[in-house]
Each structure stands twice: as C-alpha cells, then as structure tokens.
Amino acid sequence: MSDILHAARAGDKFSVAKLISYFESGRLSDQEACVAFEGELAKTKHKTGLLVGLTGAPGAGKSTLIQHLVDALLASQPNWRIAVVAVDPSSPVSGGSLLGDRTRVNFGNDERTYFRSQASDLDLGGIGRNTYRVCRVLRSFFDLVLIESVGVGQSEIEIARLADVTLLALQPFSGDHIQFMKSGIMEIPQAFVITKCDAEDLAKRSLYQLQSSLDFMQKVDGSVKPPEIFQTSSVRKMGFNELAEFVSAAEPLAPMGDLERENYFLRKEVRYYFGEYGIKALALLASENAAQGFEARRLQLTQKLSQKFGAL
C-alpha cells in the first residue's frame, strides 16, 4: 500500500491510475483501503494542490481550452505537476460514456501531466459521483487539478462546490450568457473565458455583450466582486498566458472552507443512497466521528446508515 503512494508521489502514472481506481470502486475492501491510504498520506508531508473547475455549454471549446491552458501553465511553472479530470455524460439509455475528451487533449509524453476520464453516472450537477474523492487524492500529488465538468445547461453548477476557482467558458454570440443569467450560473465563476475569439471585431462585440450582462448583475447585487473576463483563441494563440497567470495566482480554500466542502459532498452521497431520512440521521451520527479523516468518516457513516436503513 505504501509502495503505491510512494510511486504515485514520484510521478508514476500507472500507480496514480491504480490508486484512483480504489477511490472509484464501490467494493467494501477498496473503500477500507481508501481509509488506509488517507491515513498514510496524513502521516507524511504532501501537496495541497489547487482545484480548478471548468464548465460551460457543450461545444464551447472546453477541451481545447484545457490543452492550451495546461501548456501555458507548464511553461510558466516549471516545477508544477498538473492533473486533469474530465467528466463526460453517461447515456440515459445504455448507461455508457464515450469519454471522448481523450481524443481532444494530448499532453504527449510530458511526465508532469496526468489525464483521467470519468463518466457522470447520470449524476446531476455536471460531475461524477466519485469526482470529489478522486480530486481529493490527486491534489496530494499534483500542484493543480483541473476538472472539466459535463457541459452545463441550466442546473449543472456542482463544479463550484468542488473547485477552489471556477472558470466558465462561453462562445462568442452563443446566447449562453442570457440562459446562464436566468439560471444563476453567471454567479458561480471567478472568471469568464470567451473562447474561439478568432475574429477580432466579433471578439470585441462578445466582450461588450458579456460586460453589459455583468454590469446589470452588479446593479442587482453590488456586494459581489465582479469576475475576471479573458478572451482566448487557439487559432491566434491568444489569451492563454494571461489566463494561466490568473489561475496560478489563485489560492486553495482555507481549512474551514475545505471542511465545509467535505461535509457538503458527504451529505450529497448520503442523500443519494438514503434520501432525506439519511440526512436526518446524519446529524446525529456525524458528531461521533467528526475528528476523523474524510474517507474514515464516509465509510463509518455509510455503514451505520446501511445497518439502519438497509444495505447499499
């Protein structure tokens, strides 16, 4: 077990993949192994990588943005290691997932990068059921973990709960910002990224349109700091260095904010398996193991709730 952690820390991609498989597994033995892995990590000094979320409508150019953003980050931060977790939608008919982002993102043989595809498992919110657990372990080995969510419509904003920093990708003149204003998605990112700004005049008009929408929102609630806006173009090789500078300057959540995030995803999992009855029981059980690590808390709570309400 410690060999896997040691190899993953050294950058061995096979060991990282094997470790992640434990956190994606539903078998009891693997979940117990996750508790042991977390305990081993707590004993040693490890990274606390930044979690960066990327969301946007389907076809907004998120995968291309990831390719160029990671390239720019690696160039500006020569000591960084970066992991990408791409969540693809699962079919409501077959339950399968194409995991097609692998065809669009290619880091070559760069040892400082790692790419992992996940299926959403039809989970609402734009990320998979185990995405948070996977990102928790990846941030122990990487300086930055970039999470690409399923393309958003009007409700898939779970990425903001997961990430320290959230980016929202928009296409020029797509009308996405109007839909996002209606649904509240415009309120979640720390930065907007207007992609495909290949024609300068159209890019400027798109920028003014977005700024107008944000100005309107500021009039409604002036207490919120307005997000940054970046324009990028893979054709013109424009905007990625500025975006990389913004991302690299961001900070992970403080310990209290990290604990709130853990509790949120713990409640989400309990609600998924046990419903509102499980949430009510969670309040009584949570205080019994509040001092333990997340994986230990998760396993003990789900086992106790399974005994109370029936097996998972």
C-alpha atoms as a PDB file:
ATOM      1  CA  MET A   1       0.000   0.000   0.000  1.00  0.00           C
ATOM      2  CA  SER A   2       2.769   2.440   0.915  1.00  0.00           C
ATOM      3  CA  ASP A   3       4.563   1.374  -2.306  1.00  0.00           C
ATOM      4  CA  ILE A   4       1.671   2.676  -4.400  1.00  0.00           C
ATOM      5  CA  LEU A   5       1.708   6.004  -2.563  1.00  0.00           C
ATOM      6  CA  HIS A   6       5.470   6.303  -2.886  1.00  0.00           C
ATOM      7  CA  ALA A   7       5.360   5.576  -6.636  1.00  0.00           C
ATOM      8  CA  ALA A   8       2.423   7.968  -7.156  1.00  0.00           C
ATOM      9  CA  ARG A   9       4.296  10.687  -5.302  1.00  0.00           C
ATOM     10  CA  ALA A  10       7.301  10.049  -7.549  1.00  0.00           C
ATOM     11  CA  GLY A  11       5.126  10.621 -10.617  1.00  0.00           C
ATOM     12  CA  ASP A  12       4.453   7.075 -11.808  1.00  0.00           C
ATOM     13  CA  LYS A  13       1.237   7.375 -13.828  1.00  0.00           C
ATOM     14  CA  PHE A  14       0.330   3.700 -13.545  1.00  0.00           C
ATOM     15  CA  SER A  15       0.423   3.945  -9.746  1.00  0.00           C
ATOM     16  CA  VAL A  16      -1.693   7.116  -9.824  1.00  0.00           C
ATOM     17  CA  ALA A  17      -4.262   5.338 -12.017  1.00  0.00           C
ATOM     18  CA  LYS A  18      -4.296   2.292  -9.738  1.00  0.00           C
ATOM     19  CA  LEU A  19      -4.754   4.499  -6.681  1.00  0.00           C
ATOM     20  CA  ILE A  20      -7.661   6.362  -8.276  1.00  0.00           C
ATOM     21  CA  SER A  21      -9.351   3.056  -9.100  1.00  0.00           C
ATOM     22  CA  TYR A  22      -9.658   2.367  -5.378  1.00  0.00           C
ATOM     23  CA  PHE A  23     -11.481   5.667  -4.866  1.00  0.00           C
ATOM     24  CA  GLU A  24     -13.839   4.987  -7.775  1.00  0.00           C
ATOM     25  CA  SER A  25     -14.672   1.468  -6.593  1.00  0.00           C
ATOM     26  CA  GLY A  26     -17.804   0.571  -4.648  1.00  0.00           C
ATOM     27  CA  ARG A  27     -16.352  -2.594  -3.070  1.00  0.00           C
ATOM     28  CA  LEU A  28     -16.039  -2.551   0.698  1.00  0.00           C
ATOM     29  CA  SER A  29     -12.441  -3.815   0.640  1.00  0.00           C
ATOM     30  CA  ASP A  30     -11.427  -0.984  -1.685  1.00  0.00           C
ATOM     31  CA  GLN A  31     -13.176   1.612   0.464  1.00  0.00           C
ATOM     32  CA  GLU A  32     -11.327   0.292   3.504  1.00  0.00           C
ATOM     33  CA  ALA A  33      -8.117   0.613   1.511  1.00  0.00           C
ATOM     34  CA  CYS A  34      -9.006   4.257   0.831  1.00  0.00           C
ATOM     35  CA  VAL A  35      -9.199   4.880   4.575  1.00  0.00           C
ATOM     36  CA  ALA A  36      -5.730   3.348   4.943  1.00  0.00           C
ATOM     37  CA  PHE A  37      -4.371   5.436   2.043  1.00  0.00           C
ATOM     38  CA  GLU A  38      -5.728   8.605   3.639  1.00  0.00           C
ATOM     39  CA  GLY A  39      -4.121   7.670   6.960  1.00  0.00           C
ATOM     40  CA  GLU A  40      -0.769   7.078   5.275  1.00  0.00           C
ATOM     41  CA  LEU A  41      -0.960  10.426   3.471  1.00  0.00           C
ATOM     42  CA  ALA A  42      -1.770  12.217   6.733  1.00  0.00           C
ATOM     43  CA  LYS A  43       1.495  10.944   8.246  1.00  0.00           C
ATOM     44  CA  THR A  44       3.679  12.461   5.540  1.00  0.00           C
ATOM     45  CA  LYS A  45       4.149  15.899   4.066  1.00  0.00           C
ATOM     46  CA  HIS A  46       2.238  16.198   0.801  1.00  0.00           C
ATOM     47  CA  LYS A  47       0.986  18.783  -1.633  1.00  0.00           C
ATOM     48  CA  THR A  48      -2.333  20.592  -1.296  1.00  0.00           C
ATOM     49  CA  GLY A  49      -2.978  21.306  -4.932  1.00  0.00           C
ATOM     50  CA  LEU A  50      -5.338  23.922  -6.298  1.00  0.00           C
ATOM     51  CA  LEU A  51      -8.671  22.606  -7.611  1.00  0.00           C
ATOM     52  CA  VAL A  52      -9.735  24.492 -10.749  1.00  0.00           C
ATOM     53  CA  GLY A  53     -13.145  23.824 -12.235  1.00  0.00           C
ATOM     54  CA  LEU A  54     -14.041  24.442 -15.870  1.00  0.00           C
ATOM     55  CA  THR A  55     -17.611  24.411 -17.077  1.00  0.00           C
ATOM     56  CA  GLY A  56     -19.614  25.722 -19.997  1.00  0.00           C
ATOM     57  CA  ALA A  57     -22.156  24.737 -22.613  1.00  0.00           C
ATOM     58  CA  PRO A  58     -21.454  21.746 -24.885  1.00  0.00           C
ATOM     59  CA  GLY A  59     -19.277  22.816 -27.803  1.00  0.00           C
ATOM     60  CA  ALA A  60     -17.888  25.877 -26.004  1.00  0.00           C
ATOM     61  CA  GLY A  61     -14.332  24.671 -26.562  1.00  0.00           C
ATOM     62  CA  LYS A  62     -13.567  23.430 -23.049  1.00  0.00           C
ATOM     63  CA  SER A  63     -11.275  20.604 -24.152  1.00  0.00           C
ATOM     64  CA  THR A  64      -9.245  22.857 -26.451  1.00  0.00           C
ATOM     65  CA  LEU A  65      -9.062  25.414 -23.663  1.00  0.00           C
ATOM     66  CA  ILE A  66      -7.686  22.755 -21.308  1.00  0.00           C
ATOM     67  CA  GLN A  67      -4.969  21.788 -23.809  1.00  0.00           C
ATOM     68  CA  HIS A  68      -3.680  25.337 -24.248  1.00  0.00           C
ATOM     69  CA  LEU A  69      -4.163  26.388 -20.617  1.00  0.00           C
ATOM     70  CA  VAL A  70      -2.173  23.419 -19.308  1.00  0.00           C
ATOM     71  CA  ASP A  71       0.572  24.073 -21.869  1.00  0.00           C
ATOM     72  CA  ALA A  72       0.763  27.696 -20.710  1.00  0.00           C
ATOM     73  CA  LEU A  73       0.824  26.701 -17.031  1.00  0.00           C
ATOM     74  CA  LEU A  74       3.586  24.154 -17.564  1.00  0.00           C
ATOM     75  CA  ALA A  75       5.650  26.767 -19.399  1.00  0.00           C
ATOM     76  CA  SER A  76       5.206  29.394 -16.674  1.00  0.00           C
ATOM     77  CA  GLN A  77       5.501  27.000 -13.714  1.00  0.00           C
ATOM     78  CA  PRO A  78       8.420  24.642 -14.498  1.00  0.00           C
ATOM     79  CA  ASN A  79       8.142  22.810 -11.146  1.00  0.00           C
ATOM     80  CA  TRP A  80       4.403  22.160 -11.289  1.00  0.00           C
ATOM     81  CA  ARG A  81       2.664  18.860 -11.932  1.00  0.00           C
ATOM     82  CA  ILE A  82      -0.880  19.098 -13.302  1.00  0.00           C
ATOM     83  CA  ALA A  83      -3.711  16.553 -13.376  1.00  0.00           C
ATOM     84  CA  VAL A  84      -6.860  16.813 -15.490  1.00  0.00           C
ATOM     85  CA  VAL A  85     -10.127  15.066 -14.615  1.00  0.00           C
ATOM     86  CA  ALA A  86     -12.619  15.189 -17.494  1.00  0.00           C
ATOM     87  CA  VAL A  87     -16.208  14.187 -16.761  1.00  0.00           C
ATOM     88  CA  ASP A  88     -18.243  13.029 -19.748  1.00  0.00           C
ATOM     89  CA  PRO A  89     -22.009  12.460 -19.786  1.00  0.00           C
ATOM     90  CA  SER A  90     -23.370   8.939 -19.438  1.00  0.00           C
ATOM     91  CA  SER A  91     -26.049   7.707 -21.801  1.00  0.00           C
ATOM     92  CA  PRO A  92     -29.531   7.585 -20.230  1.00  0.00           C
ATOM     93  CA  VAL A  93     -30.260   4.589 -22.494  1.00  0.00           C
ATOM     94  CA  SER A  94     -27.191   2.359 -22.191  1.00  0.00           C
ATOM     95  CA  GLY A  95     -25.529   3.936 -19.156  1.00  0.00           C
ATOM     96  CA  GLY A  96     -22.213   4.015 -21.020  1.00  0.00           C
ATOM     97  CA  SER A  97     -19.973   7.002 -21.649  1.00  0.00           C
ATOM     98  CA  LEU A  98     -17.803   7.782 -24.673  1.00  0.00           C
ATOM     99  CA  LEU A  99     -15.022   9.515 -22.669  1.00  0.00           C
ATOM    100  CA  GLY A 100     -14.260  11.462 -25.817  1.00  0.00           C
ATOM    101  CA  ASP A 101     -12.140  14.202 -24.240  1.00  0.00           C
ATOM    102  CA  ARG A 102      -9.126  11.903 -24.541  1.00  0.00           C
ATOM    103  CA  THR A 103      -9.242  12.447 -28.306  1.00  0.00           C
ATOM    104  CA  ARG A 104      -9.062  16.237 -27.979  1.00  0.00           C
ATOM    105  CA  VAL A 105      -6.481  16.659 -25.223  1.00  0.00           C
ATOM    106  CA  ASN A 106      -2.966  15.359 -25.799  1.00  0.00           C
ATOM    107  CA  PHE A 107      -0.058  16.132 -23.487  1.00  0.00           C
ATOM    108  CA  GLY A 108       2.289  13.753 -25.260  1.00  0.00           C
ATOM    109  CA  ASN A 109       4.897  12.140 -23.023  1.00  0.00           C
ATOM    110  CA  ASP A 110       5.101  15.016 -20.559  1.00  0.00           C
ATOM    111  CA  GLU A 111       5.747  13.406 -17.170  1.00  0.00           C
ATOM    112  CA  ARG A 112       4.351  16.439 -15.351  1.00  0.00           C
ATOM    113  CA  THR A 113       0.796  15.806 -16.542  1.00  0.00           C
ATOM    114  CA  TYR A 114      -1.854  13.200 -15.852  1.00  0.00           C
ATOM    115  CA  PHE A 115      -5.238  12.798 -17.567  1.00  0.00           C
ATOM    116  CA  ARG A 116      -8.212  10.879 -16.165  1.00  0.00           C
ATOM    117  CA  SER A 117     -11.636  10.442 -17.770  1.00  0.00           C
ATOM    118  CA  GLN A 118     -14.753   9.799 -15.710  1.00  0.00           C
ATOM    119  CA  ALA A 119     -18.363   9.045 -16.544  1.00  0.00           C
ATOM    120  CA  SER A 120     -21.028  11.157 -14.877  1.00  0.00           C
ATOM    121  CA  ASP A 121     -23.067   8.010 -13.992  1.00  0.00           C
ATOM    122  CA  LEU A 122     -26.172  10.110 -14.750  1.00  0.00           C
ATOM    123  CA  ASP A 123     -25.440  12.112 -11.606  1.00  0.00           C
ATOM    124  CA  LEU A 124     -26.970  15.590 -11.675  1.00  0.00           C
ATOM    125  CA  GLY A 125     -24.717  18.577 -11.203  1.00  0.00           C
ATOM    126  CA  GLY A 126     -22.180  18.123 -14.004  1.00  0.00           C
ATOM    127  CA  ILE A 127     -19.629  15.954 -12.178  1.00  0.00           C
ATOM    128  CA  GLY A 128     -19.441  12.249 -11.365  1.00  0.00           C
ATOM    129  CA  ARG A 129     -20.428  10.598  -8.106  1.00  0.00           C
ATOM    130  CA  ASN A 130     -16.801   9.996  -7.121  1.00  0.00           C
ATOM    131  CA  THR A 131     -15.205  13.051  -8.708  1.00  0.00           C
ATOM    132  CA  TYR A 132     -14.682  14.805  -5.385  1.00  0.00           C
ATOM    133  CA  ARG A 133     -12.992  11.789  -3.795  1.00  0.00           C
ATOM    134  CA  VAL A 134     -10.695  11.387  -6.799  1.00  0.00           C
ATOM    135  CA  CYS A 135      -9.767  15.075  -6.762  1.00  0.00           C
ATOM    136  CA  ARG A 136      -9.005  14.920  -3.038  1.00  0.00           C
ATOM    137  CA  VAL A 137      -6.364  12.261  -3.585  1.00  0.00           C
ATOM    138  CA  LEU A 138      -4.977  13.820  -6.782  1.00  0.00           C
ATOM    139  CA  ARG A 139      -4.347  17.155  -5.080  1.00  0.00           C
ATOM    140  CA  SER A 140      -1.982  15.348  -2.715  1.00  0.00           C
ATOM    141  CA  PHE A 141       0.356  14.585  -5.646  1.00  0.00           C
ATOM    142  CA  PHE A 142      -0.249  17.467  -8.064  1.00  0.00           C
ATOM    143  CA  ASP A 143       0.105  21.230  -7.758  1.00  0.00           C
ATOM    144  CA  LEU A 144      -3.078  21.796  -9.746  1.00  0.00           C
ATOM    145  CA  VAL A 145      -6.056  19.594 -10.569  1.00  0.00           C
ATOM    146  CA  LEU A 146      -8.214  20.835 -13.445  1.00  0.00           C
ATOM    147  CA  ILE A 147     -11.740  19.422 -13.541  1.00  0.00           C
ATOM    148  CA  GLU A 148     -13.810  19.663 -16.715  1.00  0.00           C
ATOM    149  CA  SER A 149     -17.490  19.184 -15.957  1.00  0.00           C
ATOM    150  CA  VAL A 150     -20.235  17.885 -18.209  1.00  0.00           C
ATOM    151  CA  GLY A 151     -21.476  20.723 -20.419  1.00  0.00           C
ATOM    152  CA  VAL A 152     -23.880  22.850 -18.432  1.00  0.00           C
ATOM    153  CA  GLY A 153     -27.466  23.636 -19.243  1.00  0.00           C
ATOM    154  CA  GLN A 154     -29.353  25.421 -16.509  1.00  0.00           C
ATOM    155  CA  SER A 155     -28.634  23.419 -13.357  1.00  0.00           C
ATOM    156  CA  GLU A 156     -25.197  21.767 -13.565  1.00  0.00           C
ATOM    157  CA  ILE A 157     -23.308  24.034 -11.160  1.00  0.00           C
ATOM    158  CA  GLU A 158     -21.887  21.419  -8.777  1.00  0.00           C
ATOM    159  CA  ILE A 159     -18.411  22.249 -10.046  1.00  0.00           C
ATOM    160  CA  ALA A 160     -18.465  25.456  -7.981  1.00  0.00           C
ATOM    161  CA  ARG A 161     -18.874  23.372  -4.821  1.00  0.00           C
ATOM    162  CA  LEU A 162     -15.882  21.252  -5.763  1.00  0.00           C
ATOM    163  CA  ALA A 163     -13.370  23.785  -7.068  1.00  0.00           C
ATOM    164  CA  ASP A 164     -11.315  26.475  -5.370  1.00  0.00           C
ATOM    165  CA  VAL A 165     -11.575  28.507  -8.564  1.00  0.00           C
ATOM    166  CA  THR A 166     -14.239  28.117 -11.256  1.00  0.00           C
ATOM    167  CA  LEU A 167     -13.920  29.133 -14.907  1.00  0.00           C
ATOM    168  CA  LEU A 168     -16.939  29.439 -17.218  1.00  0.00           C
ATOM    169  CA  ALA A 169     -16.302  29.035 -20.951  1.00  0.00           C
ATOM    170  CA  LEU A 170     -18.567  30.918 -23.372  1.00  0.00           C
ATOM    171  CA  GLN A 171     -18.701  31.015 -27.147  1.00  0.00           C
ATOM    172  CA  PRO A 172     -18.994  34.378 -28.931  1.00  0.00           C
ATOM    173  CA  PHE A 173     -22.624  35.307 -29.648  1.00  0.00           C
ATOM    174  CA  SER A 174     -23.950  31.970 -28.479  1.00  0.00           C
ATOM    175  CA  GLY A 175     -26.624  33.480 -26.240  1.00  0.00           C
ATOM    176  CA  ASP A 176     -25.323  31.334 -23.393  1.00  0.00           C
ATOM    177  CA  HIS A 177     -24.957  34.294 -21.043  1.00  0.00           C
ATOM    178  CA  ILE A 178     -28.711  35.005 -21.229  1.00  0.00           C
ATOM    179  CA  GLN A 179     -29.578  31.444 -20.264  1.00  0.00           C
ATOM    180  CA  PHE A 180     -26.952  31.500 -17.537  1.00  0.00           C
ATOM    181  CA  MET A 181     -28.296  34.765 -16.112  1.00  0.00           C
ATOM    182  CA  LYS A 182     -31.741  33.189 -15.840  1.00  0.00           C
ATOM    183  CA  SER A 183     -30.453  30.116 -14.040  1.00  0.00           C
ATOM    184  CA  GLY A 184     -27.838  31.689 -11.767  1.00  0.00           C
ATOM    185  CA  ILE A 185     -24.865  30.035 -13.473  1.00  0.00           C
ATOM    186  CA  MET A 186     -23.420  33.510 -14.163  1.00  0.00           C
ATOM    187  CA  GLU A 187     -22.971  33.880 -10.405  1.00  0.00           C
ATOM    188  CA  ILE A 188     -20.665  30.891  -9.856  1.00  0.00           C
ATOM    189  CA  PRO A 189     -17.370  31.565 -11.716  1.00  0.00           C
ATOM    190  CA  GLN A 190     -14.398  33.631 -10.627  1.00  0.00           C
ATOM    191  CA  ALA A 191     -13.559  34.151 -14.295  1.00  0.00           C
ATOM    192  CA  PHE A 192     -15.283  34.021 -17.665  1.00  0.00           C
ATOM    193  CA  VAL A 193     -13.391  32.754 -20.687  1.00  0.00           C
ATOM    194  CA  ILE A 194     -14.716  33.769 -24.102  1.00  0.00           C
ATOM    195  CA  THR A 195     -13.358  31.075 -26.403  1.00  0.00           C
ATOM    196  CA  LYS A 196     -12.927  30.986 -30.186  1.00  0.00           C
ATOM    197  CA  CYS A 197     -12.115  34.707 -30.427  1.00  0.00           C
ATOM    198  CA  ASP A 198     -10.629  34.199 -33.877  1.00  0.00           C
ATOM    199  CA  ALA A 199     -12.119  37.354 -35.458  1.00  0.00           C
ATOM    200  CA  GLU A 200     -11.094  40.457 -33.505  1.00  0.00           C
ATOM    201  CA  ASP A 201     -14.211  42.540 -34.229  1.00  0.00           C
ATOM    202  CA  LEU A 202     -16.586  39.737 -33.212  1.00  0.00           C
ATOM    203  CA  ALA A 203     -14.498  39.069 -30.110  1.00  0.00           C
ATOM    204  CA  LYS A 204     -14.825  42.698 -29.017  1.00  0.00           C
ATOM    205  CA  ARG A 205     -18.593  42.673 -29.540  1.00  0.00           C
ATOM    206  CA  SER A 206     -18.869  39.475 -27.492  1.00  0.00           C
ATOM    207  CA  LEU A 207     -16.792  41.047 -24.733  1.00  0.00           C
ATOM    208  CA  TYR A 208     -19.015  44.143 -24.591  1.00  0.00           C
ATOM    209  CA  GLN A 209     -22.107  41.961 -24.523  1.00  0.00           C
ATOM    210  CA  LEU A 210     -20.814  39.953 -21.577  1.00  0.00           C
ATOM    211  CA  GLN A 211     -19.651  43.076 -19.725  1.00  0.00           C
ATOM    212  CA  SER A 212     -23.113  44.564 -20.153  1.00  0.00           C
ATOM    213  CA  SER A 213     -24.686  41.470 -18.597  1.00  0.00           C
ATOM    214  CA  LEU A 214     -22.250  41.557 -15.675  1.00  0.00           C
ATOM    215  CA  ASP A 215     -22.840  45.279 -15.145  1.00  0.00           C
ATOM    216  CA  PHE A 216     -26.555  44.542 -14.853  1.00  0.00           C
ATOM    217  CA  MET A 217     -25.862  41.868 -12.248  1.00  0.00           C
ATOM    218  CA  GLN A 218     -23.654  44.289 -10.293  1.00  0.00           C
ATOM    219  CA  LYS A 219     -26.565  46.698 -10.076  1.00  0.00           C
ATOM    220  CA  VAL A 220     -28.679  43.926  -8.600  1.00  0.00           C
ATOM    221  CA  ASP A 221     -26.013  42.869  -6.076  1.00  0.00           C
ATOM    222  CA  GLY A 222     -23.061  45.219  -5.751  1.00  0.00           C
ATOM    223  CA  SER A 223     -21.530  43.347  -2.819  1.00  0.00           C
ATOM    224  CA  VAL A 224     -20.136  40.580  -5.043  1.00  0.00           C
ATOM    225  CA  LYS A 225     -16.758  41.128  -6.677  1.00  0.00           C
ATOM    226  CA  PRO A 226     -17.179  41.031 -10.464  1.00  0.00           C
ATOM    227  CA  PRO A 227     -15.396  38.099 -12.133  1.00  0.00           C
ATOM    228  CA  GLU A 228     -12.474  38.477 -14.488  1.00  0.00           C
ATOM    229  CA  ILE A 229     -13.006  38.149 -18.244  1.00  0.00           C
ATOM    230  CA  PHE A 230     -10.497  36.538 -20.600  1.00  0.00           C
ATOM    231  CA  GLN A 231     -10.581  36.152 -24.367  1.00  0.00           C
ATOM    232  CA  THR A 232      -8.820  33.177 -25.941  1.00  0.00           C
ATOM    233  CA  SER A 233      -8.207  31.881 -29.428  1.00  0.00           C
ATOM    234  CA  SER A 234      -6.406  28.675 -30.323  1.00  0.00           C
ATOM    235  CA  VAL A 235      -6.086  29.934 -33.908  1.00  0.00           C
ATOM    236  CA  ARG A 236      -4.438  33.229 -32.924  1.00  0.00           C
ATOM    237  CA  LYS A 237      -2.664  31.679 -29.878  1.00  0.00           C
ATOM    238  CA  MET A 238      -4.118  34.457 -27.759  1.00  0.00           C
ATOM    239  CA  GLY A 239      -5.149  34.867 -24.129  1.00  0.00           C
ATOM    240  CA  PHE A 240      -3.859  31.619 -22.628  1.00  0.00           C
ATOM    241  CA  ASN A 241      -0.814  33.124 -20.893  1.00  0.00           C
ATOM    242  CA  GLU A 242      -2.981  35.735 -19.178  1.00  0.00           C
ATOM    243  CA  LEU A 243      -5.441  33.064 -18.058  1.00  0.00           C
ATOM    244  CA  ALA A 244      -2.587  30.882 -16.794  1.00  0.00           C
ATOM    245  CA  GLU A 245      -1.258  33.814 -14.762  1.00  0.00           C
ATOM    246  CA  PHE A 246      -4.698  34.298 -13.162  1.00  0.00           C
ATOM    247  CA  VAL A 247      -5.043  30.608 -12.325  1.00  0.00           C
ATOM    248  CA  SER A 248      -1.531  30.227 -10.912  1.00  0.00           C
ATOM    249  CA  ALA A 249      -2.110  33.195  -8.582  1.00  0.00           C
ATOM    250  CA  ALA A 250      -5.217  31.636  -7.014  1.00  0.00           C
ATOM    251  CA  GLU A 251      -5.140  30.018  -3.581  1.00  0.00           C
ATOM    252  CA  PRO A 252      -6.746  26.794  -2.250  1.00  0.00           C
ATOM    253  CA  LEU A 253      -9.565  27.104   0.256  1.00  0.00           C
ATOM    254  CA  ALA A 254      -8.695  27.677   3.914  1.00  0.00           C
ATOM    255  CA  PRO A 255      -9.053  24.630   6.228  1.00  0.00           C
ATOM    256  CA  MET A 256     -12.543  25.666   7.389  1.00  0.00           C
ATOM    257  CA  GLY A 257     -13.714  26.088   3.808  1.00  0.00           C
ATOM    258  CA  ASP A 258     -12.213  22.707   2.936  1.00  0.00           C
ATOM    259  CA  LEU A 259     -14.128  21.096   5.815  1.00  0.00           C
ATOM    260  CA  GLU A 260     -17.379  22.658   4.591  1.00  0.00           C
ATOM    261  CA  ARG A 261     -16.688  21.203   1.159  1.00  0.00           C
ATOM    262  CA  GLU A 262     -16.103  17.737   2.654  1.00  0.00           C
ATOM    263  CA  ASN A 263     -19.362  17.942   4.602  1.00  0.00           C
ATOM    264  CA  TYR A 264     -21.279  19.067   1.515  1.00  0.00           C
ATOM    265  CA  PHE A 265     -20.192  16.074  -0.579  1.00  0.00           C
ATOM    266  CA  LEU A 266     -20.712  13.732   2.356  1.00  0.00           C
ATOM    267  CA  ARG A 267     -24.304  14.937   2.689  1.00  0.00           C
ATOM    268  CA  LYS A 268     -24.778  14.637  -1.068  1.00  0.00           C
ATOM    269  CA  GLU A 269     -23.715  10.993  -1.034  1.00  0.00           C
ATOM    270  CA  VAL A 270     -25.904  10.217   1.971  1.00  0.00           C
ATOM    271  CA  ARG A 271     -28.890  11.842   0.260  1.00  0.00           C
ATOM    272  CA  TYR A 272     -28.249   9.846  -2.914  1.00  0.00           C
ATOM    273  CA  TYR A 273     -28.238   6.473  -1.140  1.00  0.00           C
ATOM    274  CA  PHE A 274     -30.544   7.078   1.826  1.00  0.00           C
ATOM    275  CA  GLY A 275     -32.685  10.100   0.934  1.00  0.00           C
ATOM    276  CA  GLU A 276     -33.924  12.674   3.422  1.00  0.00           C
ATOM    277  CA  TYR A 277     -34.183  10.064   6.171  1.00  0.00           C
ATOM    278  CA  GLY A 278     -30.449   9.548   5.845  1.00  0.00           C
ATOM    279  CA  ILE A 279     -29.793  13.303   6.073  1.00  0.00           C
ATOM    280  CA  LYS A 280     -31.777  13.493   9.309  1.00  0.00           C
ATOM    281  CA  ALA A 281     -29.879  10.545  10.763  1.00  0.00           C
ATOM    282  CA  LEU A 282     -26.580  12.040   9.570  1.00  0.00           C
ATOM    283  CA  ALA A 283     -26.863  14.940  12.020  1.00  0.00           C
ATOM    284  CA  LEU A 284     -26.953  12.507  14.942  1.00  0.00           C
ATOM    285  CA  LEU A 285     -24.142  10.280  13.673  1.00  0.00           C
ATOM    286  CA  ALA A 286     -21.744  12.918  12.344  1.00  0.00           C
ATOM    287  CA  SER A 287     -20.637  14.165  15.773  1.00  0.00           C
ATOM    288  CA  GLU A 288     -19.407  10.693  16.740  1.00  0.00           C
ATOM    289  CA  ASN A 289     -16.508  10.692  14.244  1.00  0.00           C
ATOM    290  CA  ALA A 290     -16.040  14.372  13.393  1.00  0.00           C
ATOM    291  CA  ALA A 291     -12.319  14.283  14.197  1.00  0.00           C
ATOM    292  CA  GLN A 292     -11.501  11.536  11.685  1.00  0.00           C
ATOM    293  CA  GLY A 293     -10.431  11.918   8.070  1.00  0.00           C
ATOM    294  CA  PHE A 294     -12.965  12.243   5.286  1.00  0.00           C
ATOM    295  CA  GLU A 295     -12.678   8.661   3.994  1.00  0.00           C
ATOM    296  CA  ALA A 296     -12.971   7.203   7.506  1.00  0.00           C
ATOM    297  CA  ARG A 297     -15.995   9.398   8.266  1.00  0.00           C
ATOM    298  CA  ARG A 298     -17.592   8.489   4.958  1.00  0.00           C
ATOM    299  CA  LEU A 299     -17.132   4.735   5.420  1.00  0.00           C
ATOM    300  CA  GLN A 300     -18.335   4.654   9.033  1.00  0.00           C
ATOM    301  CA  LEU A 301     -21.377   6.803   8.311  1.00  0.00           C
ATOM    302  CA  THR A 302     -22.459   4.799   5.265  1.00  0.00           C
ATOM    303  CA  GLN A 303     -22.025   1.531   7.173  1.00  0.00           C
ATOM    304  CA  LYS A 304     -24.097   2.794  10.102  1.00  0.00           C
ATOM    305  CA  LEU A 305     -26.791   4.144   7.804  1.00  0.00           C
ATOM    306  CA  SER A 306     -26.796   0.863   5.875  1.00  0.00           C
ATOM    307  CA  GLN A 307     -27.467  -1.006   9.111  1.00  0.00           C
ATOM    308  CA  LYS A 308     -30.246   1.422   9.920  1.00  0.00           C
ATOM    309  CA  PHE A 309     -31.960   1.658   6.535  1.00  0.00           C
ATOM    310  CA  GLY A 310     -30.693  -1.386   4.628  1.00  0.00           C
ATOM    311  CA  ALA A 311     -27.580  -2.299   2.651  1.00  0.00           C
ATOM    312  CA  LEU A 312     -26.341  -0.115  -0.220  1.00  0.00           C
END
